[in-house]
C-alpha atoms as a PDB file:
ATOM      1  CA  MET A   1     -17.685 -40.690   4.066  1.00  0.00           C
ATOM      2  CA  ASP A   2     -16.434 -39.451   0.712  1.00  0.00           C
ATOM      3  CA  GLU A   3     -18.696 -36.423   0.986  1.00  0.00           C
ATOM      4  CA  ASP A   4     -17.115 -35.468   4.325  1.00  0.00           C
ATOM      5  CA  ASP A   5     -13.648 -35.671   2.787  1.00  0.00           C
ATOM      6  CA  ASP A   6     -14.784 -33.447  -0.080  1.00  0.00           C
ATOM      7  CA  ASP A   7     -16.217 -30.905   2.374  1.00  0.00           C
ATOM      8  CA  ASN A   8     -12.950 -30.834   4.318  1.00  0.00           C
ATOM      9  CA  GLU A   9     -11.024 -30.132   1.134  1.00  0.00           C
ATOM     10  CA  PHE A  10     -13.190 -27.094   0.425  1.00  0.00           C
ATOM     11  CA  ASP A  11     -12.955 -25.922   4.027  1.00  0.00           C
ATOM     12  CA  ASP A  12      -9.158 -25.960   3.818  1.00  0.00           C
ATOM     13  CA  ASP A  13      -9.286 -23.843   0.668  1.00  0.00           C
ATOM     14  CA  ASP A  14     -11.603 -21.350   2.359  1.00  0.00           C
ATOM     15  CA  ASP A  15      -9.199 -21.042   5.286  1.00  0.00           C
ATOM     16  CA  ASP A  16      -6.369 -20.187   2.901  1.00  0.00           C
ATOM     17  CA  ILE A  17      -8.429 -17.455   1.260  1.00  0.00           C
ATOM     18  CA  ASP A  18      -9.399 -15.966   4.623  1.00  0.00           C
ATOM     19  CA  SER A  19      -5.807 -15.918   5.863  1.00  0.00           C
ATOM     20  CA  ASP A  20      -4.708 -14.073   2.710  1.00  0.00           C
ATOM     21  CA  ALA A  21      -7.248 -11.323   3.350  1.00  0.00           C
ATOM     22  CA  GLU A  22      -6.158 -10.723   6.946  1.00  0.00           C
ATOM     23  CA  TYR A  23      -2.932  -8.770   6.347  1.00  0.00           C
ATOM     24  CA  SER A  24      -2.234  -6.074   8.864  1.00  0.00           C
ATOM     25  CA  ASP A  25      -0.045  -3.004   8.597  1.00  0.00           C
ATOM     26  CA  ASP A  26       2.731  -4.993  10.292  1.00  0.00           C
ATOM     27  CA  GLU A  27       2.860  -7.338   7.311  1.00  0.00           C
ATOM     28  CA  ASP A  28       2.571  -4.550   4.748  1.00  0.00           C
ATOM     29  CA  MET A  29       5.885  -4.258   2.956  1.00  0.00           C
ATOM     30  CA  SER A  30       4.972  -1.378   0.640  1.00  0.00           C
ATOM     31  CA  TRP A  31       6.800   1.018   2.960  1.00  0.00           C
ATOM     32  CA  LYS A  32      10.044  -0.454   1.643  1.00  0.00           C
ATOM     33  CA  VAL A  33       9.070   0.522  -1.887  1.00  0.00           C
ATOM     34  CA  ARG A  34       8.070   4.040  -0.803  1.00  0.00           C
ATOM     35  CA  ARG A  35      11.341   4.458   1.086  1.00  0.00           C
ATOM     36  CA  ALA A  36      13.446   3.201  -1.825  1.00  0.00           C
ATOM     37  CA  SER A  37      11.595   5.447  -4.271  1.00  0.00           C
ATOM     38  CA  SER A  38      12.281   8.440  -2.043  1.00  0.00           C
ATOM     39  CA  LYS A  39      15.992   7.630  -2.053  1.00  0.00           C
ATOM     40  CA  CYS A  40      15.914   7.149  -5.825  1.00  0.00           C
ATOM     41  CA  ILE A  41      14.286  10.552  -6.336  1.00  0.00           C
ATOM     42  CA  SER A  42      16.890  12.097  -4.053  1.00  0.00           C
ATOM     43  CA  ALA A  43      19.661  10.543  -6.141  1.00  0.00           C
ATOM     44  CA  LEU A  44      18.088  12.051  -9.261  1.00  0.00           C
ATOM     45  CA  PHE A  45      18.041  15.519  -7.703  1.00  0.00           C
ATOM     46  CA  ILE A  46      21.683  15.263  -6.728  1.00  0.00           C
ATOM     47  CA  SER A  47      22.984  13.685  -9.930  1.00  0.00           C
ATOM     48  CA  ARG A  48      20.993  15.692 -12.493  1.00  0.00           C
ATOM     49  CA  PRO A  49      20.734  19.336 -11.413  1.00  0.00           C
ATOM     50  CA  ASP A  50      20.296  20.324 -15.061  1.00  0.00           C
ATOM     51  CA  LEU A  51      16.796  18.789 -14.934  1.00  0.00           C
ATOM     52  CA  MET A  52      15.659  20.610 -11.791  1.00  0.00           C
ATOM     53  CA  VAL A  53      12.805  22.469 -13.496  1.00  0.00           C
ATOM     54  CA  HIS A  54      11.440  19.197 -14.862  1.00  0.00           C
ATOM     55  CA  PHE A  55      11.853  17.529 -11.464  1.00  0.00           C
ATOM     56  CA  TYR A  56       9.998  20.364  -9.758  1.00  0.00           C
ATOM     57  CA  LYS A  57       7.077  20.065 -12.124  1.00  0.00           C
ATOM     58  CA  ALA A  58       6.946  16.285 -11.740  1.00  0.00           C
ATOM     59  CA  ALA A  59       7.918  15.674  -8.111  1.00  0.00           C
ATOM     60  CA  CYS A  60       7.427  18.722  -5.898  1.00  0.00           C
ATOM     61  CA  GLY A  61       3.702  18.241  -5.374  1.00  0.00           C
ATOM     62  CA  LEU A  62       4.116  14.516  -4.874  1.00  0.00           C
ATOM     63  CA  LEU A  63       6.805  15.014  -2.246  1.00  0.00           C
ATOM     64  CA  ILE A  64       4.580  17.450  -0.377  1.00  0.00           C
ATOM     65  CA  THR A  65       1.823  14.848  -0.201  1.00  0.00           C
ATOM     66  CA  ARG A  66       4.334  12.201   0.913  1.00  0.00           C
ATOM     67  CA  LEU A  67       5.308  14.385   3.885  1.00  0.00           C
ATOM     68  CA  LYS A  68       2.111  13.004   5.453  1.00  0.00           C
ATOM     69  CA  GLU A  69       3.550   9.469   5.377  1.00  0.00           C
ATOM     70  CA  ARG A  70       2.367   7.180   8.192  1.00  0.00           C
ATOM     71  CA  GLU A  71       5.591   5.153   8.435  1.00  0.00           C
ATOM     72  CA  GLU A  72       8.136   7.277  10.307  1.00  0.00           C
ATOM     73  CA  SER A  73      11.252   5.903   8.588  1.00  0.00           C
ATOM     74  CA  VAL A  74       9.726   6.639   5.185  1.00  0.00           C
ATOM     75  CA  LYS A  75       8.601  10.068   6.349  1.00  0.00           C
ATOM     76  CA  LEU A  76      12.132  10.934   7.460  1.00  0.00           C
ATOM     77  CA  ASP A  77      13.505   9.829   4.095  1.00  0.00           C
ATOM     78  CA  VAL A  78      10.945  12.013   2.329  1.00  0.00           C
ATOM     79  CA  PHE A  79      12.134  14.960   4.434  1.00  0.00           C
ATOM     80  CA  VAL A  80      15.724  14.207   3.414  1.00  0.00           C
ATOM     81  CA  THR A  81      14.660  14.003  -0.234  1.00  0.00           C
ATOM     82  CA  PHE A  82      12.810  17.313  -0.002  1.00  0.00           C
ATOM     83  CA  ASN A  83      15.842  18.945   1.635  1.00  0.00           C
ATOM     84  CA  ASP A  84      18.090  17.546  -1.107  1.00  0.00           C
ATOM     85  CA  MET A  85      15.738  19.029  -3.696  1.00  0.00           C
ATOM     86  CA  LEU A  86      15.829  22.426  -1.996  1.00  0.00           C
ATOM     87  CA  ARG A  87      19.611  22.432  -1.636  1.00  0.00           C
ATOM     88  CA  GLN A  88      20.077  21.467  -5.281  1.00  0.00           C
ATOM     89  CA  THR A  89      17.649  24.232  -6.208  1.00  0.00           C
ATOM     90  CA  ALA A  90      19.844  26.755  -4.431  1.00  0.00           C
ATOM     91  CA  SER A  91      22.939  25.532  -6.268  1.00  0.00           C
ATOM     92  CA  TYR A  92      21.151  25.333  -9.609  1.00  0.00           C
ATOM     93  CA  SER A  93      19.633  28.810  -9.267  1.00  0.00           C
ATOM     94  CA  LYS A  94      22.967  30.392  -8.369  1.00  0.00           C
ATOM     95  CA  LEU A  95      24.893  28.700 -11.173  1.00  0.00           C
ATOM     96  CA  SER A  96      22.378  28.988 -13.985  1.00  0.00           C
ATOM     97  CA  GLY A  97      20.534  32.132 -12.982  1.00  0.00           C
ATOM     98  CA  ASP A  98      17.272  30.308 -13.745  1.00  0.00           C
ATOM     99  CA  LYS A  99      14.582  31.216 -11.230  1.00  0.00           C
ATOM    100  CA  ALA A 100      11.877  28.843 -12.563  1.00  0.00           C
ATOM    101  CA  CYS A 101      12.351  26.359  -9.710  1.00  0.00           C
ATOM    102  CA  LEU A 102      12.119  29.140  -7.147  1.00  0.00           C
ATOM    103  CA  GLU A 103       8.891  30.361  -8.741  1.00  0.00           C
ATOM    104  CA  ILE A 104       7.389  26.874  -8.552  1.00  0.00           C
ATOM    105  CA  LEU A 105       8.561  26.573  -4.957  1.00  0.00           C
ATOM    106  CA  SER A 106       7.062  29.916  -3.991  1.00  0.00           C
ATOM    107  CA  THR A 107       3.662  28.810  -5.300  1.00  0.00           C
ATOM    108  CA  GLU A 108       3.920  25.603  -3.223  1.00  0.00           C
ATOM    109  CA  VAL A 109       4.938  27.298   0.046  1.00  0.00           C
ATOM    110  CA  PRO A 110       1.377  27.530   1.451  1.00  0.00           C
ATOM    111  CA  ARG A 111       0.869  23.799   0.879  1.00  0.00           C
ATOM    112  CA  ILE A 112       4.250  23.016   2.433  1.00  0.00           C
ATOM    113  CA  VAL A 113       3.532  25.111   5.520  1.00  0.00           C
ATOM    114  CA  LYS A 114       0.065  23.619   5.936  1.00  0.00           C
ATOM    115  CA  THR A 115       1.446  20.080   5.725  1.00  0.00           C
ATOM    116  CA  LEU A 116       4.296  20.841   8.120  1.00  0.00           C
ATOM    117  CA  CYS A 117       1.939  22.432  10.657  1.00  0.00           C
ATOM    118  CA  LYS A 118      -0.037  19.198  10.775  1.00  0.00           C
ATOM    119  CA  GLU A 119       3.202  17.274  11.201  1.00  0.00           C
ATOM    120  CA  LEU A 120       4.281  19.476  14.108  1.00  0.00           C
ATOM    121  CA  LYS A 121       1.211  18.345  16.049  1.00  0.00           C
ATOM    122  CA  GLY A 122       2.536  14.772  16.151  1.00  0.00           C
ATOM    123  CA  LYS A 123       4.236  13.183  19.123  1.00  0.00           C
ATOM    124  CA  SER A 124       7.496  12.030  17.565  1.00  0.00           C
ATOM    125  CA  ILE A 125      10.516  14.329  17.844  1.00  0.00           C
ATOM    126  CA  LYS A 126      12.436  13.358  14.684  1.00  0.00           C
ATOM    127  CA  PRO A 127       9.739  14.476  12.215  1.00  0.00           C
ATOM    128  CA  LYS A 128       9.369  17.746  14.130  1.00  0.00           C
ATOM    129  CA  VAL A 129      13.092  18.442  13.812  1.00  0.00           C
ATOM    130  CA  SER A 130      12.879  17.599  10.116  1.00  0.00           C
ATOM    131  CA  CYS A 131       9.962  20.036   9.751  1.00  0.00           C
ATOM    132  CA  PHE A 132      11.980  22.895  11.203  1.00  0.00           C
ATOM    133  CA  THR A 133      14.988  22.034   9.059  1.00  0.00           C
ATOM    134  CA  LEU A 134      12.804  22.005   5.958  1.00  0.00           C
ATOM    135  CA  LEU A 135      11.241  25.336   6.896  1.00  0.00           C
ATOM    136  CA  GLN A 136      14.677  26.847   7.465  1.00  0.00           C
ATOM    137  CA  VAL A 137      15.977  25.731   4.060  1.00  0.00           C
ATOM    138  CA  CYS A 138      12.741  26.777   2.359  1.00  0.00           C
ATOM    139  CA  TYR A 139      12.916  30.212   3.952  1.00  0.00           C
ATOM    140  CA  ALA A 140      16.520  30.655   2.812  1.00  0.00           C
ATOM    141  CA  LEU A 141      15.551  29.761  -0.751  1.00  0.00           C
ATOM    142  CA  ILE A 142      12.600  32.127  -0.835  1.00  0.00           C
ATOM    143  CA  PHE A 143      14.876  34.845   0.536  1.00  0.00           C
ATOM    144  CA  ILE A 144      17.275  34.158  -2.360  1.00  0.00           C
ATOM    145  CA  ALA A 145      14.382  34.434  -4.818  1.00  0.00           C
ATOM    146  CA  VAL A 146      13.296  37.802  -3.459  1.00  0.00           C
ATOM    147  CA  CYS A 147      16.800  39.310  -3.397  1.00  0.00           C
END
């Protein structure tokens, strides 16, 4: 009978291991971290416009890849962050006369458009509206760079 008790103890441990491995997307909390990091990056863009060139080199490409986010609330925050970056770029470029951010942006436009075209094929309305807003702001900035 002692052997049966020992087997039951091991079976209980195996059940705990199996339940740990069965996490679904519903239980995944990493979206909270991604959303908070997007808001943190946005705060950096707004509070430190003097570092815009550095931010572009470090974050522009990453934000473009995050536009493909699967969690809609995070995706919308990434759109807000990208719009904040573009608006700060406009202010920074006008005040400082530095066009480095606009040059980096102009090289990233094909990637941005490609990503947004994929997003426009989705079913949800809010990301589509955010796509058009982002395109509008991006177009205005590129127009500033050319003129």
